[in-house]
Amino acid sequence: MYQQDGEEIFVIDGHVHLWDAREENIVHQGGEEFIQCFYDYHTGFTPDEREWDLDEYRYYGPERMTEDLFGNAAADMAVFQPTYLTDFYDEGFNTIEQNAELAEEYPERFVLNGTFDPRDGEEGLEYLEQQKEQYDIEGVKVYTAEWRGDSKGWRLDSDEAFEFLEKCADLGIDKIHAHKGPTIRPLNRDAFDVADIDDAASSFPDLEFVVEHVGLPRLDDFCWIAAQEPNVYGGLAVAAPMAQNRPRKFGEIMGELLYWLGEDRIIFGSDYALWNPDWLVETVMNAELTDEQKDEYGIELSTDVMKKIMGENVADLYDIDIEAKKEQFRADDVTEEFGLGDHYGAPDATAD
C-alpha cells in the first residue's frame, strides 16, 4: 500500500483500461485520431522521464498493465471501465470481454464493469443481461459521444436510455459511470455535456452516477448538479494529472468538488494507460492548496480526506472490505509475483 506520514493509504484506481489501438485493429480514421489524441494528453501531463513511446502506448498488454498498476504497490485494486468504439476498431478499443481475461486471472484485484448503448435497442438489452449473467457486473461505463453509423452521440436522459437504466436497476447493476469530460478527436464535445446527468439521477435515485472527469471543462455545471443530487459522484480521471503541471488548477478543481460534494463523493482514477499510477498517486497525494484556496473553500487536503478519495469512497460504492483485502493481499498471486509481502504486513512465519 501507499504510505504517507506513517499512514497506510489503500488505493483503488477507479478508472483503468486495457486497450488495443494497434494499426491492424483500426478500421476508421477516427481510430487513429482517437489514440493520437490520447497520446497528446499523455505527453502533455506526464513527467518527461515517465513518458511512453507511441508504439507501446498503442498496446501494452495485460502483463505490463498488472505490473504498472500493482507492481510497486502504488495501487491495490482497480476498476475496469470499458470503451468499445467498435466503429473505429475492428475488435473494439477496450471491451468487457478483453478486460475480463485479466480480471478473471486476478479477481481479487479488479472490479469488472460492463457497458450499454441505447442505440442498440433490444439487442443491447439482451447484451446487458448477458454481461450480468456471465460476469455478475455491478456497474457500467457509458460513452455518450461514441459514433454509431450516422449517429454521433446520444443522451442519458432520453427515453431510450431510460429503458436501459430501468434494466440496470432490475438487474442490480446500480453503478453508472458516464464519461462527461474533455472531448477526444474526432468525437463531438457537446455529446459529452454533463447536463443529461441531472434528469437521469433524479429519475433513478437508487442508482449511483459516477461522472467521470468531473464534467471538465464544465466543472461548474457538474458541481451544481451534484450538489442537488446525492447519488452523483465525481471521478477524478483527467483532473488528477493536473496536479503534476497545473497545481493551482488542480487545487481549484479539488476546492470546488470538496465545497459542493464533500469528501465522500470524490473518486480517484488514473485513466490508465493515459497516465500511470506509479507516479500519479504520489503526485496527487502530495498536492497542496494555496493559502488563498484554503481560505476561500475552507478545506484541507488532509490525509484523512485523501484516504477517502484514493480508495475508501469507491470501496463503499462497491462493498469492498478494505481490511479483508489487506489480509487477502498478504499472500495473493500479485503479492507473490512482485514481492509485496512487506507492503501488506506479511504474517510472521514463526507465529503460532
Protein backbone atom coordinates (compact mmCIF):
# COMPACT_ATOMS: atom_id res chain seq x y z
CA MET A 1 0.00 0.00 0.00
CA TYR A 2 0.98 3.62 -0.49
CA GLN A 3 2.40 5.17 2.67
CA GLN A 4 2.27 8.81 3.70
CA ASP A 5 3.25 10.30 7.05
CA GLY A 6 3.12 6.87 8.64
CA GLU A 7 -0.41 6.25 7.33
CA GLU A 8 -1.36 3.39 5.03
CA ILE A 9 -3.44 4.56 2.05
CA PHE A 10 -5.41 1.78 0.37
CA VAL A 11 -5.62 2.91 -3.26
CA ILE A 12 -8.38 1.74 -5.56
CA ASP A 13 -7.80 3.14 -9.03
CA GLY A 14 -11.37 3.83 -10.10
CA HIS A 15 -10.72 4.18 -13.84
CA VAL A 16 -8.46 1.87 -15.88
CA HIS A 17 -8.44 0.40 -19.40
CA LEU A 18 -6.75 -2.42 -21.29
CA TRP A 19 -6.97 -1.09 -24.82
CA ASP A 20 -5.87 -2.16 -28.29
CA ALA A 21 -5.09 0.67 -30.71
CA ARG A 22 -2.66 -1.25 -32.89
CA GLU A 23 -2.84 -0.24 -36.52
CA GLU A 24 -4.20 -3.63 -37.58
CA ASN A 25 -7.19 -3.11 -35.27
CA ILE A 26 -8.07 0.33 -36.68
CA VAL A 27 -10.85 0.31 -39.30
CA HIS A 28 -11.74 4.03 -39.39
CA GLN A 29 -9.65 7.19 -39.49
CA GLY A 30 -11.32 8.12 -36.21
CA GLY A 31 -9.48 5.26 -34.52
CA GLU A 32 -6.10 6.75 -35.38
CA GLU A 33 -7.23 10.25 -34.41
CA PHE A 34 -8.55 8.90 -31.11
CA ILE A 35 -5.32 7.23 -29.99
CA GLN A 36 -3.23 10.18 -31.20
CA CYS A 37 -5.40 12.48 -29.05
CA PHE A 38 -4.96 10.15 -26.06
CA TYR A 39 -1.21 10.27 -26.64
CA ASP A 40 -1.28 14.08 -26.70
CA TYR A 41 -2.97 14.02 -23.29
CA HIS A 42 -0.36 11.53 -22.09
CA THR A 43 2.66 13.56 -23.17
CA GLY A 44 1.09 16.84 -22.10
CA PHE A 45 0.62 15.82 -18.46
CA THR A 46 3.24 13.14 -17.83
CA PRO A 47 6.73 13.87 -16.42
CA ASP A 48 9.24 13.66 -19.27
CA GLU A 49 11.07 10.71 -17.77
CA ARG A 50 7.82 8.72 -17.43
CA GLU A 51 6.51 9.16 -20.98
CA TRP A 52 5.91 6.10 -23.15
CA ASP A 53 6.65 5.91 -26.84
CA LEU A 54 3.65 5.72 -29.15
CA ASP A 55 4.11 2.07 -30.16
CA GLU A 56 3.96 0.75 -26.60
CA TYR A 57 1.12 3.17 -25.91
CA ARG A 58 -0.99 1.62 -28.66
CA TYR A 59 -0.92 -1.75 -26.97
CA TYR A 60 0.83 -2.52 -23.69
CA GLY A 61 -0.85 -5.81 -22.88
CA PRO A 62 -2.03 -7.48 -19.65
CA GLU A 63 1.37 -8.28 -18.16
CA ARG A 64 2.60 -4.70 -18.29
CA MET A 65 -0.75 -3.44 -17.02
CA THR A 66 -0.59 -5.69 -13.98
CA GLU A 67 2.94 -4.57 -13.19
CA ASP A 68 2.20 -0.88 -13.74
CA LEU A 69 -0.87 -0.92 -11.52
CA PHE A 70 0.26 -3.18 -8.72
CA GLY A 71 3.97 -3.99 -9.11
CA ASN A 72 5.21 -1.18 -6.86
CA ALA A 73 2.07 -1.10 -4.68
CA ALA A 74 1.04 2.35 -5.92
CA ALA A 75 -2.45 0.91 -6.41
CA ASP A 76 -4.01 -2.01 -4.58
CA MET A 77 -7.09 -2.55 -6.75
CA ALA A 78 -8.54 -1.14 -9.97
CA VAL A 79 -11.90 -0.76 -11.70
CA PHE A 80 -12.15 -1.60 -15.41
CA GLN A 81 -14.14 0.98 -17.41
CA PRO A 82 -14.66 -0.29 -20.99
CA THR A 83 -14.81 1.95 -24.07
CA TYR A 84 -15.97 -0.01 -27.12
CA LEU A 85 -15.64 2.34 -30.16
CA THR A 86 -16.47 -0.54 -32.49
CA ASP A 87 -16.99 1.83 -35.43
CA PHE A 88 -13.31 2.77 -35.09
CA TYR A 89 -11.68 -0.50 -34.00
CA ASP A 90 -12.37 -3.92 -35.52
CA GLU A 91 -12.25 -5.84 -32.22
CA GLY A 92 -13.20 -2.82 -30.13
CA PHE A 93 -10.90 -0.44 -28.30
CA ASN A 94 -11.49 -1.82 -24.82
CA THR A 95 -14.35 -4.27 -24.26
CA ILE A 96 -15.60 -6.21 -21.26
CA GLU A 97 -14.54 -9.44 -22.95
CA GLN A 98 -10.97 -8.16 -23.33
CA ASN A 99 -10.86 -6.85 -19.78
CA ALA A 100 -12.39 -10.00 -18.34
CA GLU A 101 -9.38 -12.14 -19.25
CA LEU A 102 -7.19 -10.17 -16.85
CA ALA A 103 -9.93 -9.64 -14.26
CA GLU A 104 -10.55 -13.37 -14.12
CA GLU A 105 -6.81 -14.02 -13.66
CA TYR A 106 -6.70 -11.63 -10.70
CA PRO A 107 -10.31 -11.45 -9.47
CA GLU A 108 -9.27 -10.17 -6.05
CA ARG A 109 -7.59 -7.13 -7.63
CA PHE A 110 -10.02 -5.98 -10.33
CA VAL A 111 -13.62 -4.82 -10.46
CA LEU A 112 -15.07 -5.57 -13.90
CA ASN A 113 -17.65 -3.18 -15.33
CA GLY A 114 -19.73 -3.55 -18.47
CA THR A 115 -21.47 -1.11 -20.78
CA PHE A 116 -24.63 -0.30 -22.70
CA ASP A 117 -25.61 1.86 -25.65
CA PRO A 118 -29.34 2.62 -26.06
CA ARG A 119 -28.94 2.80 -29.84
CA ASP A 120 -28.56 -0.99 -29.78
CA GLY A 121 -32.23 -1.42 -28.87
CA GLU A 122 -33.48 -4.89 -27.96
CA GLU A 123 -30.18 -6.48 -28.89
CA GLY A 124 -28.44 -4.11 -26.48
CA LEU A 125 -30.81 -5.02 -23.65
CA GLU A 126 -30.06 -8.69 -24.25
CA TYR A 127 -26.32 -7.93 -24.22
CA LEU A 128 -26.71 -6.11 -20.89
CA GLU A 129 -28.43 -9.18 -19.45
CA GLN A 130 -25.64 -11.36 -20.84
CA GLN A 131 -22.96 -9.25 -19.16
CA LYS A 132 -24.75 -9.55 -15.84
CA GLU A 133 -25.23 -13.29 -16.20
CA GLN A 134 -21.71 -14.03 -17.39
CA TYR A 135 -19.67 -11.59 -15.29
CA ASP A 136 -22.05 -10.55 -12.48
CA ILE A 137 -21.24 -6.89 -13.10
CA GLU A 138 -22.31 -4.21 -10.62
CA GLY A 139 -21.59 -1.23 -12.85
CA VAL A 140 -21.48 0.01 -16.43
CA LYS A 141 -19.44 2.64 -18.23
CA VAL A 142 -21.35 4.65 -20.85
CA TYR A 143 -19.82 6.77 -23.59
CA THR A 144 -22.42 9.20 -24.88
CA ALA A 145 -20.24 10.64 -27.65
CA GLU A 146 -19.38 7.31 -29.29
CA TRP A 147 -20.14 7.22 -33.01
CA ARG A 148 -22.51 4.56 -34.30
CA GLY A 149 -23.20 4.67 -38.04
CA ASP A 150 -24.65 8.10 -38.82
CA SER A 151 -25.17 8.88 -35.13
CA LYS A 152 -22.52 10.92 -33.33
CA GLY A 153 -23.85 10.56 -29.83
CA TRP A 154 -26.81 10.02 -27.50
CA ARG A 155 -28.20 11.40 -24.25
CA LEU A 156 -28.53 9.71 -20.89
CA ASP A 157 -31.88 11.44 -20.28
CA SER A 158 -33.53 10.11 -23.46
CA ASP A 159 -36.45 7.68 -23.41
CA GLU A 160 -34.22 5.01 -24.94
CA ALA A 161 -31.54 5.48 -22.29
CA PHE A 162 -34.12 5.38 -19.52
CA GLU A 163 -35.20 1.95 -20.75
CA PHE A 164 -31.63 0.75 -20.26
CA LEU A 165 -31.35 2.42 -16.84
CA GLU A 166 -34.55 0.64 -15.82
CA LYS A 167 -33.00 -2.62 -16.98
CA CYS A 168 -29.87 -1.86 -14.94
CA ALA A 169 -32.00 -1.28 -11.86
CA ASP A 170 -33.87 -4.54 -12.45
CA LEU A 171 -30.63 -6.49 -12.86
CA GLY A 172 -28.92 -4.99 -9.81
CA ILE A 173 -26.41 -3.01 -11.89
CA ASP A 174 -26.51 0.11 -9.75
CA LYS A 175 -23.31 1.99 -10.65
CA ILE A 176 -23.48 4.09 -13.83
CA HIS A 177 -20.11 5.55 -14.83
CA ALA A 178 -20.54 8.20 -17.52
CA HIS A 179 -17.72 9.83 -19.49
CA LYS A 180 -18.51 13.52 -19.08
CA GLY A 181 -15.26 15.28 -19.73
CA PRO A 182 -12.93 16.63 -22.37
CA THR A 183 -13.59 15.59 -25.92
CA ILE A 184 -11.30 13.24 -27.81
CA ARG A 185 -10.72 13.63 -31.53
CA PRO A 186 -12.84 13.15 -33.59
CA LEU A 187 -15.76 12.90 -31.13
CA ASN A 188 -18.05 15.85 -30.50
CA ARG A 189 -17.57 17.90 -27.38
CA ASP A 190 -21.26 18.63 -26.92
CA ALA A 191 -22.10 14.92 -26.86
CA PHE A 192 -20.17 14.72 -23.59
CA ASP A 193 -22.18 17.55 -22.00
CA VAL A 194 -22.91 16.80 -18.34
CA ALA A 195 -26.46 18.23 -18.43
CA ASP A 196 -28.17 14.88 -19.10
CA ILE A 197 -26.95 13.55 -15.74
CA ASP A 198 -29.47 15.80 -13.97
CA ASP A 199 -32.72 14.16 -15.05
CA ALA A 200 -31.21 10.68 -15.08
CA ALA A 201 -30.01 10.95 -11.49
CA SER A 202 -33.32 12.49 -10.34
CA SER A 203 -35.34 9.80 -12.11
CA PHE A 204 -33.30 6.87 -10.79
CA PRO A 205 -32.45 7.70 -7.16
CA ASP A 206 -31.49 4.09 -6.41
CA LEU A 207 -28.70 4.19 -8.99
CA GLU A 208 -25.33 5.81 -8.32
CA PHE A 209 -23.98 8.01 -11.13
CA VAL A 210 -20.21 8.48 -11.27
CA VAL A 211 -19.44 11.39 -13.56
CA GLU A 212 -16.02 10.56 -14.90
CA HIS A 213 -13.68 13.51 -15.43
CA VAL A 214 -15.98 15.63 -13.20
CA GLY A 215 -17.60 17.19 -16.25
CA LEU A 216 -14.48 19.05 -17.39
CA PRO A 217 -14.49 21.61 -18.92
CA ARG A 218 -17.97 22.09 -17.45
CA LEU A 219 -16.96 21.79 -13.80
CA ASP A 220 -19.43 24.40 -12.58
CA ASP A 221 -22.35 22.68 -14.31
CA PHE A 222 -21.34 19.37 -12.79
CA CYS A 223 -20.97 20.77 -9.27
CA TRP A 224 -24.39 22.45 -9.36
CA ILE A 225 -25.99 19.17 -10.47
CA ALA A 226 -24.10 17.03 -7.97
CA ALA A 227 -24.90 19.42 -5.12
CA GLN A 228 -28.60 18.70 -5.52
CA GLU A 229 -28.37 15.02 -6.49
CA PRO A 230 -26.94 12.93 -3.63
CA ASN A 231 -26.47 9.91 -5.89
CA VAL A 232 -23.95 11.72 -8.13
CA TYR A 233 -20.20 11.23 -7.62
CA GLY A 234 -17.16 12.81 -9.26
CA GLY A 235 -14.41 10.73 -10.85
CA LEU A 236 -11.01 12.45 -10.91
CA ALA A 237 -9.63 10.82 -14.07
CA VAL A 238 -8.13 13.57 -16.31
CA ALA A 239 -8.36 16.06 -13.44
CA ALA A 240 -5.79 14.14 -11.37
CA PRO A 241 -2.73 14.66 -13.63
CA MET A 242 -3.21 18.42 -13.41
CA ALA A 243 -1.56 18.07 -10.01
CA GLN A 244 1.64 17.49 -11.99
CA ASN A 245 1.95 20.68 -14.04
CA ARG A 246 -1.20 22.68 -13.28
CA PRO A 247 -1.17 22.57 -9.46
CA ARG A 248 -3.24 25.73 -8.98
CA LYS A 249 -5.87 24.41 -11.40
CA PHE A 250 -5.90 21.09 -9.58
CA GLY A 251 -6.36 22.95 -6.31
CA GLU A 252 -9.26 24.88 -7.81
CA ILE A 253 -10.92 21.67 -9.01
CA MET A 254 -10.48 19.96 -5.65
CA GLY A 255 -11.72 23.04 -3.85
CA GLU A 256 -14.92 23.16 -5.88
CA LEU A 257 -15.54 19.44 -5.53
CA LEU A 258 -14.96 19.38 -1.79
CA TYR A 259 -17.03 22.52 -1.30
CA TRP A 260 -20.05 21.26 -3.27
CA LEU A 261 -19.90 17.46 -2.98
CA GLY A 262 -17.92 16.90 0.19
CA GLU A 263 -15.20 14.34 0.76
CA ASP A 264 -17.42 11.25 0.45
CA ARG A 265 -18.34 11.52 -3.25
CA ILE A 266 -14.98 12.02 -4.96
CA ILE A 267 -13.14 9.06 -6.53
CA PHE A 268 -9.53 8.83 -7.71
CA GLY A 269 -8.78 7.41 -11.15
CA SER A 270 -5.57 7.35 -13.18
CA ASP A 271 -7.31 6.66 -16.52
CA TYR A 272 -4.53 4.14 -17.12
CA ALA A 273 -2.88 3.94 -19.59
CA LEU A 274 -3.43 7.63 -20.30
CA TRP A 275 -1.43 8.06 -17.10
CA ASN A 276 0.32 5.64 -14.79
CA PRO A 277 -0.47 5.40 -11.07
CA ASP A 278 3.19 4.68 -10.27
CA TRP A 279 3.83 8.44 -10.36
CA LEU A 280 0.30 9.87 -10.33
CA VAL A 281 -0.72 8.55 -6.90
CA GLU A 282 2.28 10.17 -5.26
CA THR A 283 1.73 13.42 -7.16
CA VAL A 284 -1.92 13.65 -6.10
CA MET A 285 -1.17 12.66 -2.52
CA ASN A 286 1.42 15.43 -2.25
CA ALA A 287 -0.73 18.12 -3.86
CA GLU A 288 -1.34 21.25 -1.81
CA LEU A 289 -3.82 24.08 -1.94
CA THR A 290 -2.66 27.67 -1.94
CA ASP A 291 -3.39 29.74 1.16
CA GLU A 292 -6.00 31.65 -0.86
CA GLN A 293 -7.73 28.41 -1.87
CA LYS A 294 -7.75 27.15 1.71
CA ASP A 295 -9.35 30.39 2.85
CA GLU A 296 -11.88 30.50 0.01
CA TYR A 297 -13.07 26.90 0.20
CA GLY A 298 -12.49 26.27 3.90
CA ILE A 299 -10.89 22.89 3.23
CA GLU A 300 -7.61 21.00 3.58
CA LEU A 301 -6.30 18.07 1.57
CA SER A 302 -5.65 16.21 4.80
CA THR A 303 -4.54 12.58 4.92
CA ASP A 304 -7.98 11.54 6.19
CA VAL A 305 -9.68 13.32 3.27
CA MET A 306 -7.29 11.81 0.76
CA LYS A 307 -7.74 8.29 2.17
CA LYS A 308 -11.40 8.57 1.27
CA ILE A 309 -10.75 9.94 -2.20
CA MET A 310 -7.99 7.48 -3.05
CA GLY A 311 -9.86 4.33 -2.09
CA GLU A 312 -12.42 4.35 0.68
CA ASN A 313 -15.18 6.02 -1.34
CA VAL A 314 -15.07 3.54 -4.22
CA ALA A 315 -14.79 0.74 -1.66
CA ASP A 316 -18.07 1.94 -0.14
CA LEU A 317 -19.68 2.06 -3.59
CA TYR A 318 -18.65 -1.49 -4.48
CA ASP A 319 -18.94 -3.02 -0.99
CA ILE A 320 -15.23 -3.75 -0.82
CA ASP A 321 -13.99 -4.65 2.68
CA ILE A 322 -10.59 -2.95 2.78
CA GLU A 323 -9.39 -4.72 5.92
CA ALA A 324 -10.32 -8.10 4.46
CA LYS A 325 -8.50 -7.17 1.25
CA LYS A 326 -5.35 -6.23 3.17
CA GLU A 327 -5.40 -9.65 4.77
CA GLN A 328 -6.00 -11.35 1.43
CA PHE A 329 -3.22 -9.41 -0.27
CA ARG A 330 -0.61 -10.65 2.18
CA ALA A 331 -0.18 -13.73 0.02
CA ASP A 332 -2.18 -13.39 -3.20
CA ASP A 333 -0.69 -14.01 -6.66
CA VAL A 334 0.21 -10.35 -7.24
CA THR A 335 1.99 -10.06 -3.89
CA GLU A 336 3.97 -13.21 -4.60
CA GLU A 337 4.78 -12.18 -8.17
CA PHE A 338 6.12 -8.75 -7.24
CA GLY A 339 7.43 -9.43 -3.74
CA LEU A 340 4.98 -7.13 -1.96
CA GLY A 341 4.69 -9.03 1.32
CA ASP A 342 6.16 -6.17 3.34
CA HIS A 343 3.57 -3.75 1.93
CA TYR A 344 0.71 -5.79 3.35
CA GLY A 345 2.29 -6.88 6.61
CA ALA A 346 3.08 -10.48 5.69
CA PRO A 347 2.36 -12.72 8.70
CA ASP A 348 5.24 -13.82 10.89
CA ALA A 349 6.11 -17.38 9.89
CA THR A 350 7.21 -18.15 13.46
CA ALA A 351 3.85 -17.11 14.96
CA ASP A 352 1.56 -19.78 16.40
